[in-house]
């Protein structure tokens, strides 16, 4: 293989390897995003369980004694704050799911780039091999033509004349 072809092939190989590295990294990012979604969903479920217990406890506390309307309003405000926190976690889950989806799309994109880089490398290897084959055939043909020229009757007579001075 000629030096130019070898250098170009190395370039194609480096591009393919770069695409492989990017794919590995994007898969890792997608896995981390999926784990984040799972973690947040677990956190939400734990929070909801805790929230129900906390609301029951606050309600029990208020039911055990005579309270003013202000205490009931404070209870309502605390319950709303608990629900706001629940909404924040739900929003975080939505954001995490979007990030996971974007990571999956990046994985797909990286897979396509790797596929294309591999196709380009293979195509170039075929081209270089074809070039080498044609070059070898051309050299073999040239040698054959030189041998025919050397062994032709005109060449033999010419050679004998030079050797013997005829």
N, C-alpha and C. Protein backbone atom coordinates (compact mmCIF):
# COMPACT_ATOMS: atom_id res chain seq x y z
N UNK A 1 0.85 -1.17 0.00
CA UNK A 1 0.00 0.00 0.00
C UNK A 1 0.90 1.23 0.00
N UNK A 2 0.55 2.19 -0.82
CA UNK A 2 1.37 3.38 -0.88
C UNK A 2 1.27 4.16 0.43
N UNK A 3 2.25 5.02 0.63
CA UNK A 3 2.33 5.79 1.87
C UNK A 3 1.11 6.68 2.06
N UNK A 4 0.63 7.28 0.98
CA UNK A 4 -0.54 8.16 1.06
C UNK A 4 -1.77 7.35 1.49
N UNK A 5 -1.94 6.18 0.90
CA UNK A 5 -3.06 5.34 1.27
C UNK A 5 -2.95 4.91 2.73
N UNK A 6 -1.76 4.57 3.17
CA UNK A 6 -1.56 4.15 4.56
C UNK A 6 -1.91 5.29 5.52
N UNK A 7 -1.49 6.49 5.21
CA UNK A 7 -1.79 7.64 6.06
C UNK A 7 -3.30 7.92 6.09
N UNK A 8 -3.93 7.86 4.93
CA UNK A 8 -5.36 8.09 4.87
C UNK A 8 -6.13 6.99 5.61
N UNK A 9 -5.66 5.76 5.51
CA UNK A 9 -6.30 4.67 6.23
C UNK A 9 -6.17 4.88 7.73
N UNK A 10 -5.02 5.33 8.19
CA UNK A 10 -4.83 5.61 9.61
C UNK A 10 -5.80 6.71 10.06
N UNK A 11 -6.01 7.70 9.22
CA UNK A 11 -6.97 8.76 9.54
C UNK A 11 -8.37 8.17 9.67
N UNK A 12 -8.76 7.31 8.75
CA UNK A 12 -10.08 6.67 8.81
C UNK A 12 -10.21 5.83 10.07
N UNK A 13 -9.16 5.13 10.43
CA UNK A 13 -9.18 4.30 11.64
C UNK A 13 -9.32 5.17 12.88
N UNK A 14 -8.58 6.29 12.93
CA UNK A 14 -8.69 7.20 14.09
C UNK A 14 -10.10 7.78 14.19
N UNK A 15 -10.70 8.11 13.08
CA UNK A 15 -12.08 8.63 13.11
C UNK A 15 -13.04 7.57 13.64
N UNK A 16 -12.84 6.35 13.20
CA UNK A 16 -13.70 5.26 13.66
C UNK A 16 -13.51 5.04 15.16
N UNK A 17 -12.27 5.06 15.63
CA UNK A 17 -12.00 4.89 17.06
C UNK A 17 -12.60 6.04 17.87
N UNK A 18 -12.51 7.26 17.34
CA UNK A 18 -13.13 8.40 18.01
C UNK A 18 -14.64 8.23 18.12
N UNK A 19 -15.24 7.73 17.06
CA UNK A 19 -16.69 7.49 17.07
C UNK A 19 -17.04 6.41 18.09
N UNK A 20 -16.18 5.39 18.20
CA UNK A 20 -16.40 4.34 19.21
C UNK A 20 -16.33 4.91 20.62
N UNK A 21 -15.35 5.78 20.86
CA UNK A 21 -15.22 6.39 22.20
C UNK A 21 -16.43 7.26 22.52
N UNK A 22 -16.87 8.05 21.55
CA UNK A 22 -18.04 8.90 21.78
C UNK A 22 -19.28 8.06 22.06
N UNK A 23 -19.41 6.93 21.38
CA UNK A 23 -20.55 6.04 21.61
C UNK A 23 -20.50 5.47 23.03
N UNK A 24 -19.33 5.04 23.46
CA UNK A 24 -19.19 4.51 24.82
C UNK A 24 -19.57 5.57 25.84
N UNK A 25 -19.08 6.79 25.65
CA UNK A 25 -19.39 7.87 26.58
C UNK A 25 -20.88 8.22 26.57
N UNK A 26 -21.49 8.22 25.40
CA UNK A 26 -22.92 8.55 25.33
C UNK A 26 -23.76 7.46 25.98
N UNK A 27 -23.34 6.20 25.84
CA UNK A 27 -24.06 5.11 26.51
C UNK A 27 -23.94 5.25 28.03
N UNK A 28 -22.77 5.62 28.49
CA UNK A 28 -22.57 5.83 29.93
C UNK A 28 -23.46 6.98 30.42
N UNK A 29 -23.51 8.04 29.66
CA UNK A 29 -24.36 9.18 30.03
C UNK A 29 -25.83 8.78 30.06
N UNK A 30 -26.26 7.97 29.10
CA UNK A 30 -27.65 7.51 29.07
C UNK A 30 -27.95 6.62 30.27
N UNK A 31 -27.01 5.77 30.62
CA UNK A 31 -27.19 4.90 31.79
C UNK A 31 -27.30 5.75 33.06
N UNK A 32 -26.43 6.76 33.18
CA UNK A 32 -26.49 7.64 34.35
C UNK A 32 -27.81 8.40 34.40
N UNK A 33 -28.30 8.83 33.25
CA UNK A 33 -29.58 9.55 33.21
C UNK A 33 -30.72 8.63 33.63
N UNK A 34 -30.68 7.37 33.19
CA UNK A 34 -31.72 6.41 33.58
C UNK A 34 -31.67 6.15 35.09
N UNK A 35 -30.46 6.04 35.62
CA UNK A 35 -30.32 5.84 37.06
C UNK A 35 -30.84 7.05 37.83
N UNK A 36 -30.62 8.24 37.30
CA UNK A 36 -31.12 9.46 37.94
C UNK A 36 -32.65 9.46 37.96
N UNK A 37 -33.28 9.04 36.87
CA UNK A 37 -34.74 8.96 36.83
C UNK A 37 -35.23 7.99 37.90
N UNK A 38 -34.61 6.83 37.96
CA UNK A 38 -35.00 5.82 38.95
C UNK A 38 -34.83 6.35 40.38
N UNK A 39 -33.70 7.01 40.61
CA UNK A 39 -33.43 7.58 41.93
C UNK A 39 -34.48 8.61 42.31
N UNK A 40 -34.83 9.48 41.37
CA UNK A 40 -35.84 10.50 41.66
C UNK A 40 -37.23 9.89 41.86
N UNK A 41 -37.56 8.86 41.08
CA UNK A 41 -38.85 8.20 41.27
C UNK A 41 -38.92 7.54 42.64
N UNK A 42 -37.83 6.94 43.08
CA UNK A 42 -37.77 6.35 44.42
C UNK A 42 -37.92 7.44 45.47
N UNK A 43 -37.22 8.55 45.26
CA UNK A 43 -37.31 9.67 46.20
C UNK A 43 -38.75 10.18 46.30
N UNK A 44 -39.42 10.28 45.14
CA UNK A 44 -40.81 10.74 45.13
C UNK A 44 -41.70 9.79 45.91
N UNK A 45 -41.53 8.50 45.68
CA UNK A 45 -42.37 7.53 46.39
C UNK A 45 -42.11 7.60 47.89
N UNK A 46 -40.85 7.70 48.27
CA UNK A 46 -40.52 7.81 49.69
C UNK A 46 -41.10 9.10 50.27
N UNK A 47 -41.01 10.17 49.52
CA UNK A 47 -41.55 11.45 49.98
C UNK A 47 -43.06 11.36 50.14
N UNK A 48 -43.74 10.74 49.19
CA UNK A 48 -45.20 10.61 49.28
C UNK A 48 -45.59 9.79 50.51
N UNK A 49 -44.85 8.71 50.74
CA UNK A 49 -45.13 7.90 51.93
C UNK A 49 -44.94 8.74 53.20
N UNK A 50 -43.83 9.46 53.26
CA UNK A 50 -43.55 10.31 54.41
C UNK A 50 -44.59 11.41 54.54
N UNK A 51 -45.00 11.98 53.40
CA UNK A 51 -45.96 13.08 53.40
C UNK A 51 -47.30 12.63 53.98
N UNK A 52 -47.74 11.43 53.60
CA UNK A 52 -49.00 10.92 54.13
C UNK A 52 -48.88 10.76 55.65
N UNK A 53 -47.78 10.19 56.09
CA UNK A 53 -47.57 10.04 57.54
C UNK A 53 -47.54 11.41 58.23
N UNK A 54 -46.84 12.34 57.64
CA UNK A 54 -46.71 13.68 58.23
C UNK A 54 -48.07 14.38 58.28
N UNK A 55 -48.85 14.28 57.22
CA UNK A 55 -50.18 14.90 57.21
C UNK A 55 -51.08 14.27 58.27
N UNK A 56 -51.02 12.94 58.36
CA UNK A 56 -51.81 12.26 59.40
C UNK A 56 -51.40 12.73 60.79
N UNK A 57 -50.09 12.84 60.99
CA UNK A 57 -49.59 13.28 62.29
C UNK A 57 -50.05 14.71 62.60
N UNK A 58 -49.93 15.60 61.62
CA UNK A 58 -50.36 16.99 61.84
C UNK A 58 -51.86 17.05 62.11
N UNK A 59 -52.63 16.24 61.37
CA UNK A 59 -54.08 16.23 61.57
C UNK A 59 -54.42 15.69 62.96
N UNK A 60 -53.72 14.61 63.36
CA UNK A 60 -53.95 14.05 64.70
C UNK A 60 -53.62 15.08 65.77
N UNK A 61 -52.50 15.80 65.58
CA UNK A 61 -52.09 16.81 66.56
C UNK A 61 -53.16 17.90 66.70
N UNK A 62 -53.74 18.30 65.61
CA UNK A 62 -54.71 19.39 65.65
C UNK A 62 -56.06 18.89 66.20
N UNK A 63 -56.34 17.59 65.98
CA UNK A 63 -57.62 17.05 66.44
C UNK A 63 -57.63 16.79 67.95
N UNK A 64 -56.47 16.67 68.57
CA UNK A 64 -56.38 16.35 69.99
C UNK A 64 -56.70 17.53 70.89
N UNK A 65 -56.75 18.69 70.35
CA UNK A 65 -56.97 19.86 71.20
C UNK A 65 -57.90 20.85 70.51
N UNK A 66 -58.35 21.75 71.28
CA UNK A 66 -59.16 22.83 70.74
C UNK A 66 -58.22 23.83 70.10
N UNK A 67 -58.54 24.21 68.89
CA UNK A 67 -57.64 25.10 68.16
C UNK A 67 -58.39 26.30 67.64
N UNK A 68 -57.62 27.28 67.34
CA UNK A 68 -58.19 28.48 66.73
C UNK A 68 -58.15 28.30 65.21
N UNK A 69 -58.89 29.12 64.55
CA UNK A 69 -58.95 29.08 63.08
C UNK A 69 -57.56 29.30 62.49
N UNK A 70 -56.79 30.12 63.13
CA UNK A 70 -55.42 30.40 62.66
C UNK A 70 -54.58 29.12 62.61
N UNK A 71 -54.73 28.25 63.57
CA UNK A 71 -53.98 26.97 63.60
C UNK A 71 -54.40 26.09 62.43
N UNK A 72 -55.67 26.13 62.10
CA UNK A 72 -56.16 25.34 60.96
C UNK A 72 -55.58 25.91 59.66
N UNK A 73 -55.52 27.22 59.56
CA UNK A 73 -54.93 27.86 58.38
C UNK A 73 -53.44 27.52 58.27
N UNK A 74 -52.73 27.48 59.40
CA UNK A 74 -51.31 27.09 59.39
C UNK A 74 -51.15 25.65 58.94
N UNK A 75 -52.04 24.79 59.39
CA UNK A 75 -52.00 23.39 58.96
C UNK A 75 -52.20 23.29 57.45
N UNK A 76 -53.16 24.02 56.95
CA UNK A 76 -53.42 24.03 55.51
C UNK A 76 -52.18 24.52 54.75
N UNK A 77 -51.53 25.56 55.25
CA UNK A 77 -50.32 26.11 54.62
C UNK A 77 -49.20 25.07 54.61
N UNK A 78 -49.02 24.37 55.74
CA UNK A 78 -47.96 23.33 55.80
C UNK A 78 -48.26 22.19 54.83
N UNK A 79 -49.53 21.83 54.71
CA UNK A 79 -49.89 20.76 53.76
C UNK A 79 -49.62 21.22 52.33
N UNK A 80 -49.94 22.49 52.05
CA UNK A 80 -49.65 23.02 50.71
C UNK A 80 -48.14 23.04 50.44
N UNK A 81 -47.35 23.35 51.46
CA UNK A 81 -45.89 23.33 51.30
C UNK A 81 -45.39 21.91 51.01
N UNK A 82 -46.00 20.93 51.67
CA UNK A 82 -45.64 19.53 51.40
C UNK A 82 -45.98 19.17 49.95
N UNK A 83 -47.12 19.61 49.50
CA UNK A 83 -47.53 19.33 48.12
C UNK A 83 -46.65 20.07 47.10
N UNK A 84 -46.23 21.27 47.47
CA UNK A 84 -45.31 22.01 46.60
C UNK A 84 -43.99 21.24 46.45
N UNK A 85 -43.50 20.70 47.55
CA UNK A 85 -42.26 19.90 47.49
C UNK A 85 -42.46 18.67 46.61
N UNK A 86 -43.62 18.06 46.72
CA UNK A 86 -43.95 16.91 45.88
C UNK A 86 -43.92 17.32 44.40
N UNK A 87 -44.49 18.48 44.11
CA UNK A 87 -44.51 18.98 42.73
C UNK A 87 -43.09 19.26 42.23
N UNK A 88 -42.24 19.77 43.09
CA UNK A 88 -40.84 20.03 42.70
C UNK A 88 -40.16 18.72 42.32
N UNK A 89 -40.39 17.68 43.10
CA UNK A 89 -39.78 16.38 42.79
C UNK A 89 -40.34 15.84 41.48
N UNK A 90 -41.65 15.98 41.27
CA UNK A 90 -42.25 15.52 40.02
C UNK A 90 -41.66 16.26 38.81
N UNK A 91 -41.44 17.55 38.96
CA UNK A 91 -40.83 18.34 37.89
C UNK A 91 -39.40 17.86 37.64
N UNK A 92 -38.69 17.53 38.71
CA UNK A 92 -37.32 17.00 38.57
C UNK A 92 -37.34 15.69 37.79
N UNK A 93 -38.34 14.87 38.07
CA UNK A 93 -38.46 13.59 37.35
C UNK A 93 -38.71 13.85 35.87
N UNK A 94 -39.61 14.78 35.56
CA UNK A 94 -39.88 15.11 34.15
C UNK A 94 -38.60 15.59 33.46
N UNK A 95 -37.86 16.46 34.15
CA UNK A 95 -36.60 16.95 33.58
C UNK A 95 -35.60 15.81 33.38
N UNK A 96 -35.54 14.92 34.35
CA UNK A 96 -34.61 13.78 34.26
C UNK A 96 -35.01 12.85 33.11
N UNK A 97 -36.30 12.67 32.92
CA UNK A 97 -36.77 11.83 31.80
C UNK A 97 -36.41 12.47 30.46
N UNK A 98 -36.55 13.79 30.39
CA UNK A 98 -36.17 14.49 29.15
C UNK A 98 -34.66 14.35 28.91
N UNK A 99 -33.88 14.47 29.97
CA UNK A 99 -32.43 14.32 29.84
C UNK A 99 -32.08 12.90 29.41
N UNK A 100 -32.81 11.93 29.95
CA UNK A 100 -32.58 10.54 29.57
C UNK A 100 -32.93 10.32 28.10
N UNK A 101 -34.05 10.89 27.67
CA UNK A 101 -34.45 10.76 26.26
C UNK A 101 -33.41 11.41 25.34
N UNK A 102 -32.92 12.59 25.74
CA UNK A 102 -31.89 13.26 24.93
C UNK A 102 -30.62 12.41 24.88
N UNK A 103 -30.28 11.77 26.00
CA UNK A 103 -29.09 10.91 26.03
C UNK A 103 -29.28 9.70 25.12
N UNK A 104 -30.48 9.14 25.10
CA UNK A 104 -30.76 8.00 24.21
C UNK A 104 -30.66 8.43 22.74
N UNK A 105 -31.13 9.64 22.45
CA UNK A 105 -31.02 10.14 21.08
C UNK A 105 -29.56 10.35 20.69
N UNK A 106 -28.75 10.81 21.65
CA UNK A 106 -27.32 10.97 21.39
C UNK A 106 -26.66 9.62 21.16
N UNK A 107 -27.07 8.61 21.92
CA UNK A 107 -26.54 7.25 21.69
C UNK A 107 -26.86 6.81 20.27
N UNK A 108 -28.10 7.03 19.86
CA UNK A 108 -28.49 6.65 18.50
C UNK A 108 -27.65 7.40 17.46
N UNK A 109 -27.46 8.68 17.69
CA UNK A 109 -26.65 9.49 16.78
C UNK A 109 -25.22 8.98 16.73
N UNK A 110 -24.65 8.67 17.88
CA UNK A 110 -23.28 8.15 17.93
C UNK A 110 -23.18 6.79 17.24
N UNK A 111 -24.21 5.96 17.40
CA UNK A 111 -24.22 4.67 16.71
C UNK A 111 -24.21 4.88 15.19
N UNK A 112 -24.97 5.85 14.73
CA UNK A 112 -25.00 6.13 13.30
C UNK A 112 -23.65 6.66 12.81
N UNK A 113 -23.02 7.54 13.60
CA UNK A 113 -21.71 8.06 13.21
C UNK A 113 -20.67 6.94 13.19
N UNK A 114 -20.73 6.03 14.15
CA UNK A 114 -19.79 4.91 14.17
C UNK A 114 -20.03 4.01 12.96
N UNK A 115 -21.28 3.75 12.68
CA UNK A 115 -21.62 2.91 11.52
C UNK A 115 -21.06 3.54 10.24
N UNK A 116 -21.23 4.85 10.11
CA UNK A 116 -20.73 5.55 8.92
C UNK A 116 -19.20 5.54 8.87
N UNK A 117 -18.57 5.77 10.02
CA UNK A 117 -17.10 5.75 10.06
C UNK A 117 -16.56 4.37 9.71
N UNK A 118 -17.22 3.33 10.19
CA UNK A 118 -16.81 1.96 9.87
C UNK A 118 -17.00 1.69 8.39
N UNK A 119 -18.12 2.13 7.86
CA UNK A 119 -18.38 1.95 6.42
C UNK A 119 -17.33 2.67 5.58
N UNK A 120 -16.99 3.90 5.98
CA UNK A 120 -15.99 4.66 5.26
C UNK A 120 -14.62 3.97 5.31
N UNK A 121 -14.25 3.47 6.50
CA UNK A 121 -12.96 2.77 6.63
C UNK A 121 -12.94 1.53 5.76
N UNK A 122 -14.00 0.74 5.82
CA UNK A 122 -14.05 -0.49 5.01
C UNK A 122 -14.00 -0.16 3.52
N UNK A 123 -14.73 0.86 3.13
CA UNK A 123 -14.74 1.28 1.73
C UNK A 123 -13.34 1.71 1.29
N UNK A 124 -12.66 2.45 2.16
CA UNK A 124 -11.31 2.91 1.84
C UNK A 124 -10.33 1.73 1.80
N UNK A 125 -10.49 0.77 2.71
CA UNK A 125 -9.63 -0.42 2.68
C UNK A 125 -9.82 -1.17 1.36
N UNK A 126 -11.06 -1.28 0.91
CA UNK A 126 -11.33 -1.93 -0.38
C UNK A 126 -10.67 -1.16 -1.53
N UNK A 127 -10.76 0.16 -1.48
CA UNK A 127 -10.14 0.99 -2.51
C UNK A 127 -8.62 0.81 -2.51
N UNK A 128 -8.01 0.83 -1.33
CA UNK A 128 -6.56 0.67 -1.22
C UNK A 128 -6.13 -0.71 -1.70
N UNK A 129 -6.91 -1.72 -1.35
CA UNK A 129 -6.59 -3.09 -1.80
C UNK A 129 -6.72 -3.19 -3.32
N UNK A 130 -7.74 -2.57 -3.86
CA UNK A 130 -7.94 -2.57 -5.31
C UNK A 130 -6.76 -1.86 -5.99
N UNK A 131 -6.36 -0.73 -5.43
CA UNK A 131 -5.22 0.02 -5.98
C UNK A 131 -3.96 -0.83 -5.95
N UNK A 132 -3.70 -1.49 -4.81
CA UNK A 132 -2.51 -2.35 -4.70
C UNK A 132 -2.56 -3.50 -5.71
N UNK A 133 -3.72 -4.09 -5.88
CA UNK A 133 -3.87 -5.19 -6.84
C UNK A 133 -3.58 -4.69 -8.26
N UNK A 134 -4.16 -3.56 -8.61
CA UNK A 134 -3.93 -2.99 -9.94
C UNK A 134 -2.46 -2.63 -10.14
N UNK A 135 -1.83 -2.10 -9.12
CA UNK A 135 -0.41 -1.75 -9.20
C UNK A 135 0.44 -2.99 -9.40
N UNK A 136 0.17 -4.04 -8.65
CA UNK A 136 0.92 -5.30 -8.81
C UNK A 136 0.72 -5.87 -10.21
N UNK A 137 -0.52 -5.83 -10.68
CA UNK A 137 -0.80 -6.34 -12.03
C UNK A 137 -0.08 -5.52 -13.08
N UNK A 138 -0.05 -4.20 -12.89
CA UNK A 138 0.64 -3.34 -13.86
C UNK A 138 2.15 -3.61 -13.85
N UNK A 139 2.72 -3.79 -12.67
CA UNK A 139 4.16 -4.11 -12.59
C UNK A 139 4.45 -5.46 -13.21
N UNK A 140 3.59 -6.45 -12.96
CA UNK A 140 3.78 -7.77 -13.54
C UNK A 140 3.68 -7.68 -15.07
N UNK A 141 2.73 -6.89 -15.56
CA UNK A 141 2.57 -6.72 -17.00
C UNK A 141 3.80 -6.04 -17.58
N UNK A 142 4.31 -5.02 -16.90
CA UNK A 142 5.50 -4.31 -17.37
C UNK A 142 6.69 -5.25 -17.44
N UNK A 143 6.87 -6.07 -16.41
CA UNK A 143 7.98 -7.03 -16.42
C UNK A 143 7.82 -8.03 -17.55
N UNK A 144 6.59 -8.46 -17.76
CA UNK A 144 6.33 -9.42 -18.83
C UNK A 144 6.64 -8.79 -20.19
N UNK A 145 6.26 -7.53 -20.36
CA UNK A 145 6.52 -6.85 -21.62
C UNK A 145 8.02 -6.67 -21.81
N UNK A 146 8.74 -6.35 -20.74
CA UNK A 146 10.19 -6.20 -20.85
C UNK A 146 10.84 -7.52 -21.22
N UNK A 147 10.35 -8.61 -20.64
CA UNK A 147 10.90 -9.93 -20.96
C UNK A 147 10.61 -10.30 -22.41
N UNK A 148 9.40 -10.00 -22.87
CA UNK A 148 9.07 -10.28 -24.26
C UNK A 148 9.94 -9.47 -25.19
N UNK A 149 10.16 -8.21 -24.84
CA UNK A 149 10.98 -7.34 -25.67
C UNK A 149 12.42 -7.87 -25.71
N UNK A 150 12.91 -8.33 -24.59
CA UNK A 150 14.27 -8.82 -24.51
C UNK A 150 14.43 -10.14 -25.26
N UNK A 151 13.40 -10.96 -25.25
CA UNK A 151 13.50 -12.26 -25.91
C UNK A 151 12.99 -12.26 -27.34
N UNK A 152 12.57 -11.12 -27.84
CA UNK A 152 12.09 -11.09 -29.21
C UNK A 152 13.26 -11.31 -30.17
N UNK A 153 13.03 -11.88 -31.36
CA UNK A 153 14.12 -12.15 -32.31
C UNK A 153 14.92 -10.91 -32.67
N UNK A 154 14.27 -9.78 -32.79
CA UNK A 154 14.98 -8.55 -33.14
C UNK A 154 15.94 -8.19 -32.02
N UNK A 155 15.52 -8.33 -30.77
CA UNK A 155 16.37 -8.02 -29.63
C UNK A 155 17.55 -8.99 -29.55
N UNK A 156 17.28 -10.25 -29.83
CA UNK A 156 18.36 -11.24 -29.76
C UNK A 156 19.41 -10.94 -30.82
N UNK A 157 18.99 -10.65 -32.06
CA UNK A 157 19.94 -10.30 -33.11
C UNK A 157 20.72 -9.05 -32.74
N UNK A 158 20.02 -8.06 -32.20
CA UNK A 158 20.68 -6.83 -31.80
C UNK A 158 21.69 -7.09 -30.70
N UNK A 159 21.36 -7.94 -29.80
CA UNK A 159 22.26 -8.26 -28.69
C UNK A 159 23.47 -9.03 -29.20
N UNK A 160 23.24 -9.97 -30.11
CA UNK A 160 24.34 -10.75 -30.67
C UNK A 160 25.28 -9.85 -31.46
N UNK A 161 24.73 -8.89 -32.18
CA UNK A 161 25.57 -7.96 -32.92
C UNK A 161 26.44 -7.16 -31.97
N UNK A 162 25.88 -6.74 -30.87
CA UNK A 162 26.66 -5.97 -29.91
C UNK A 162 27.76 -6.84 -29.30
N UNK A 163 27.43 -8.07 -29.02
CA UNK A 163 28.38 -8.96 -28.35
C UNK A 163 29.50 -9.40 -29.30
N UNK A 164 29.14 -9.70 -30.52
CA UNK A 164 30.12 -10.27 -31.45
C UNK A 164 30.62 -9.25 -32.47
N UNK A 165 30.02 -8.12 -32.47
CA UNK A 165 30.45 -7.12 -33.42
C UNK A 165 30.11 -7.44 -34.84
N UNK A 166 29.12 -8.16 -35.16
CA UNK A 166 28.73 -8.55 -36.52
C UNK A 166 28.16 -7.46 -37.26
